[in-house]
Each structure stands twice: as structure tokens, then as C-alpha cells.
Protein backbone atom coordinates (compact mmCIF):
# COMPACT_ATOMS: atom_id res chain seq x y z
CA MET A 1 27.15 -4.47 4.51
CA ILE A 2 25.83 -7.57 5.65
CA GLU A 3 22.66 -7.53 8.31
CA THR A 4 22.22 -10.06 10.91
CA LEU A 5 18.59 -11.15 11.88
CA VAL A 6 16.77 -13.24 14.47
CA MET A 7 13.43 -14.74 13.40
CA THR A 8 10.89 -16.09 15.48
CA LEU A 9 8.77 -19.21 13.73
CA ILE A 10 5.68 -20.54 15.26
CA GLY A 11 2.56 -22.20 12.65
CA ALA A 12 1.24 -25.77 12.58
CA ASP A 13 3.49 -28.75 11.73
CA ARG A 14 4.05 -30.36 8.70
CA PRO A 15 6.81 -31.52 6.27
CA GLY A 16 8.77 -28.78 4.47
CA LEU A 17 8.14 -25.96 6.59
CA VAL A 18 11.93 -25.49 7.17
CA GLU A 19 12.62 -25.31 3.84
CA ALA A 20 10.34 -22.97 3.32
CA VAL A 21 12.39 -20.76 5.22
CA ALA A 22 15.92 -21.44 3.97
CA LYS A 23 14.79 -21.32 0.64
CA ARG A 24 13.43 -17.46 0.70
CA VAL A 25 16.61 -16.99 3.12
CA ALA A 26 18.57 -18.30 0.32
CA ASP A 27 16.90 -16.31 -2.66
CA HIS A 28 17.58 -13.24 -0.65
CA GLY A 29 21.48 -13.74 -0.38
CA GLY A 30 21.49 -15.13 2.81
CA ASN A 31 23.38 -17.14 5.04
CA TRP A 32 21.67 -19.56 7.66
CA LEU A 33 23.95 -18.84 10.88
CA GLU A 34 21.81 -21.14 13.68
CA SER A 35 18.69 -22.20 14.65
CA ARG A 36 16.95 -23.62 17.46
CA MET A 37 13.94 -25.45 15.82
CA CYS A 38 11.09 -28.25 17.39
CA ARG A 39 8.05 -29.50 17.72
CA LEU A 40 5.85 -28.77 20.91
CA GLY A 41 2.26 -29.49 21.54
CA GLY A 42 1.59 -30.09 17.48
CA ARG A 43 3.08 -26.58 17.00
CA PHE A 44 6.37 -26.49 14.84
CA ALA A 45 8.53 -23.59 16.56
CA GLY A 46 12.12 -22.08 15.82
CA LEU A 47 14.06 -19.25 16.29
CA VAL A 48 17.00 -18.71 13.64
CA ARG A 49 19.56 -16.03 12.77
CA VAL A 50 20.86 -15.07 9.22
CA GLU A 51 22.85 -13.03 7.44
CA VAL A 52 21.31 -11.36 4.69
CA PRO A 53 23.42 -8.50 2.54
CA GLY A 54 22.12 -4.61 2.84
CA GLY A 55 19.33 -3.74 1.42
CA SER A 56 17.78 -7.50 1.24
CA ARG A 57 15.87 -7.50 4.16
CA LEU A 58 12.70 -6.04 3.66
CA ALA A 59 12.35 -8.27 0.76
CA LEU A 60 13.11 -11.33 2.83
CA GLU A 61 10.42 -10.17 5.47
CA ALA A 62 7.87 -9.42 2.45
CA ALA A 63 9.15 -13.53 1.52
CA LEU A 64 9.02 -14.48 4.87
CA ALA A 65 5.31 -13.09 5.56
CA GLY A 66 3.76 -14.97 2.02
CA LEU A 67 4.51 -18.41 4.76
CA GLY A 68 1.46 -16.66 6.94
CA ALA A 69 -0.54 -18.05 4.28
CA GLU A 70 0.56 -21.43 4.41
CA GLY A 71 0.05 -20.61 8.03
CA LEU A 72 3.79 -20.05 9.76
CA SER A 73 4.32 -16.83 11.60
CA VAL A 74 7.20 -15.46 10.83
CA VAL A 75 8.81 -12.13 13.44
CA VAL A 76 12.03 -10.50 11.66
CA GLN A 77 13.93 -8.48 13.91
CA ALA A 78 17.82 -7.13 13.67
CA GLU A 79 20.13 -8.72 15.63
CA GLN A 80 21.24 -5.80 18.70
CA PRO A 81 25.02 -5.32 19.60
CA VAL A 82 25.44 -6.45 22.99
CA GLU A 83 25.87 -3.84 25.63
CA ALA A 84 27.82 -4.57 28.64
CA PRO A 85 26.19 -2.49 31.01
CA ALA A 86 27.64 -2.86 34.73
CA THR A 87 24.54 -4.76 35.85
CA ALA A 88 24.03 -7.36 32.91
CA SER A 89 27.82 -9.32 32.97
CA ALA A 90 26.20 -12.24 32.14
CA VAL A 91 24.44 -10.76 28.85
CA SER A 92 27.78 -9.51 27.92
CA GLY A 93 29.64 -13.04 27.92
CA SER A 94 31.36 -12.60 31.02
CA GLY A 95 31.51 -15.60 33.53
CA ARG A 96 31.96 -19.16 33.48
CA LEU A 97 29.43 -21.39 31.70
CA ALA A 98 27.77 -24.46 33.50
CA VAL A 99 25.10 -26.62 33.41
CA VAL A 100 22.55 -27.45 35.89
CA GLU A 101 20.38 -30.87 35.28
CA LEU A 102 17.34 -31.56 37.52
CA VAL A 103 14.78 -34.47 37.24
CA GLY A 104 11.64 -35.18 39.75
CA HIS A 105 7.79 -35.60 39.65
CA ASP A 106 6.54 -33.08 37.69
CA ARG A 107 4.35 -30.28 39.43
CA PRO A 108 3.69 -26.37 39.13
CA GLY A 109 6.63 -24.16 40.47
CA ILE A 110 9.70 -25.81 39.19
CA VAL A 111 10.56 -23.36 36.57
CA ARG A 112 9.66 -20.41 38.58
CA ALA A 113 11.60 -21.53 41.71
CA VAL A 114 14.68 -22.59 39.64
CA SER A 115 14.13 -19.69 37.82
CA ALA A 116 14.43 -17.20 40.77
CA VAL A 117 17.74 -18.53 42.31
CA PHE A 118 19.22 -17.85 38.78
CA ALA A 119 17.88 -14.18 38.61
CA ARG A 120 18.62 -13.18 42.49
CA HIS A 121 22.49 -14.58 41.44
CA GLY A 122 22.28 -12.48 38.56
CA VAL A 123 22.90 -15.54 36.72
CA ASN A 124 21.59 -16.04 32.24
CA VAL A 125 20.08 -18.71 31.30
CA GLU A 126 21.74 -19.34 27.54
CA GLU A 127 19.56 -22.20 26.75
CA PHE A 128 16.88 -24.23 28.27
CA SER A 129 14.94 -27.09 27.46
CA SER A 130 12.60 -29.17 29.42
CA ALA A 131 10.08 -32.24 28.75
CA ARG A 132 7.66 -33.77 30.41
CA GLU A 133 6.84 -37.87 30.28
CA SER A 134 6.09 -41.30 31.94
CA ALA A 135 7.91 -42.79 34.88
CA PRO A 136 8.44 -45.99 34.95
CA MET A 137 6.48 -48.18 36.79
CA GLY A 138 3.47 -45.64 36.46
CA GLY A 139 4.59 -43.70 38.91
CA GLY A 140 3.10 -40.85 37.42
CA MET A 141 4.96 -37.20 35.58
CA LEU A 142 8.51 -37.20 35.81
CA PHE A 143 9.52 -33.16 34.89
CA GLN A 144 13.36 -33.02 33.32
CA ALA A 145 14.95 -29.61 32.56
CA ARG A 146 18.56 -29.17 31.04
CA VAL A 147 19.78 -25.24 31.78
CA SER A 148 22.78 -23.73 30.49
CA ILE A 149 23.96 -20.78 32.14
CA ARG A 150 26.45 -18.27 32.29
CA VAL A 151 27.83 -17.75 35.75
CA PRO A 152 28.69 -14.06 36.18
CA ALA A 153 32.64 -13.54 37.80
CA THR A 154 30.76 -11.93 41.00
CA VAL A 155 28.89 -15.03 41.98
CA HIS A 156 29.93 -16.92 44.82
CA PRO A 157 29.88 -20.76 43.19
CA PRO A 158 28.82 -22.14 47.16
CA ALA A 159 26.02 -19.85 47.17
CA LEU A 160 24.30 -20.63 44.24
CA ARG A 161 24.77 -24.35 44.84
CA ALA A 162 23.28 -23.54 47.99
CA ASP A 163 20.35 -22.36 46.92
CA LEU A 164 19.86 -24.54 43.87
CA GLU A 165 20.16 -27.56 46.82
CA ARG A 166 17.66 -25.91 49.05
CA ILE A 167 14.97 -25.84 46.42
CA ALA A 168 15.71 -29.05 45.21
CA ALA A 169 14.75 -30.29 48.57
CA ASP A 170 11.74 -28.09 48.89
CA LEU A 171 10.32 -29.71 45.40
CA VAL A 172 11.95 -32.79 45.90
CA VAL A 173 13.87 -33.00 43.10
CA ASP A 174 17.46 -34.25 41.47
CA LEU A 175 19.25 -31.44 40.59
CA SER A 176 23.08 -30.91 39.92
CA LEU A 177 25.46 -28.48 38.73
CA ARG A 178 28.25 -28.52 37.10
CA GLU A 179 31.04 -25.89 35.31
CA THR A 180 31.47 -26.99 31.73
């Protein structure tokens, strides 16, 4: 029996962290399935999904806990089967995929406003990446985001688009929505 695990990693960034985790996974017969990792605020942060043979989870967790001495915190959880309750069709994988991109002068509340529209429409955020950077010609700071979303079949796309355009005007950001 194979067990699928999801791990969160965070610690002081340094060379060799990914290799240290990958070595422990491989040493316990595991297979690295997918991951998202980055450097944020001088810290290393990551999400990793692996498969391990049944019965090796506890030994792998103990080996990963040893990385705490090296400044890396690892939390391991078993992957949960996705259930499809009537109110969570977006989470079940049904619906259309779309991408929202936005850019504008940085200010508090941008993520809150956009995510509130998603929540009102029952849209699931599949992946969210954002960054702040200096605007050209000394124009302050720009906030940029790219959000992959799953739009339930019950959502009327023009209504979602209208709500997003309304907040884009309020926040003074450029925002695009396109189906993939």
C-alpha cells in the first residue's frame, strides 16, 4: 500500500535544504510527486507532495524532524481524499480553469478584496503568486499577482468578471480574467 503525504517546510534559507529533504524521502523509499518552493523574506518555504510505501511514514517523519536541528521545520500530513459536497464543487475539481492577473500601485487590502469576490462566487483558488517591486521611474511600489482559479459551472462568468472589474476600479489596479 502506498501512502501520499503533503509536507510544509519553512526555515532559514541556505544551500542544500531541498537536497536534505529529498535524501530523506528517497532513503525511505519515497517518490517526490510535486512541489512549490521559494524564498520569502529571507526564509525558505515549501510545499511538497510525496508517495511512500505503507509503514514508512513514521520513520520518514522522524528523519525529517531531525532537520529541526538544522533550522528547518517540517510538518507532514496524509493526503485526504477529495470529497464532493454540494457546496464545494470547486474543490472537487469540476468547473472551468481561469487565470486572474493584476498589477497596480501597492496598497493594503488588494488580496482581501480579490479573494472576497472569489469567495462570494464559490471560486476555488488553485494557485496564488504575488510580488511587490519598484515601479519604473521611481513611481513607488507595484503589487502584481497571478491567480489560477477554478470557477464552478454554476457561476455566471459575466457576473464574476463584473465584480472583479468593480474592485479593480476601486483599487485602481489593472485586472484581467481569462479562461485557460
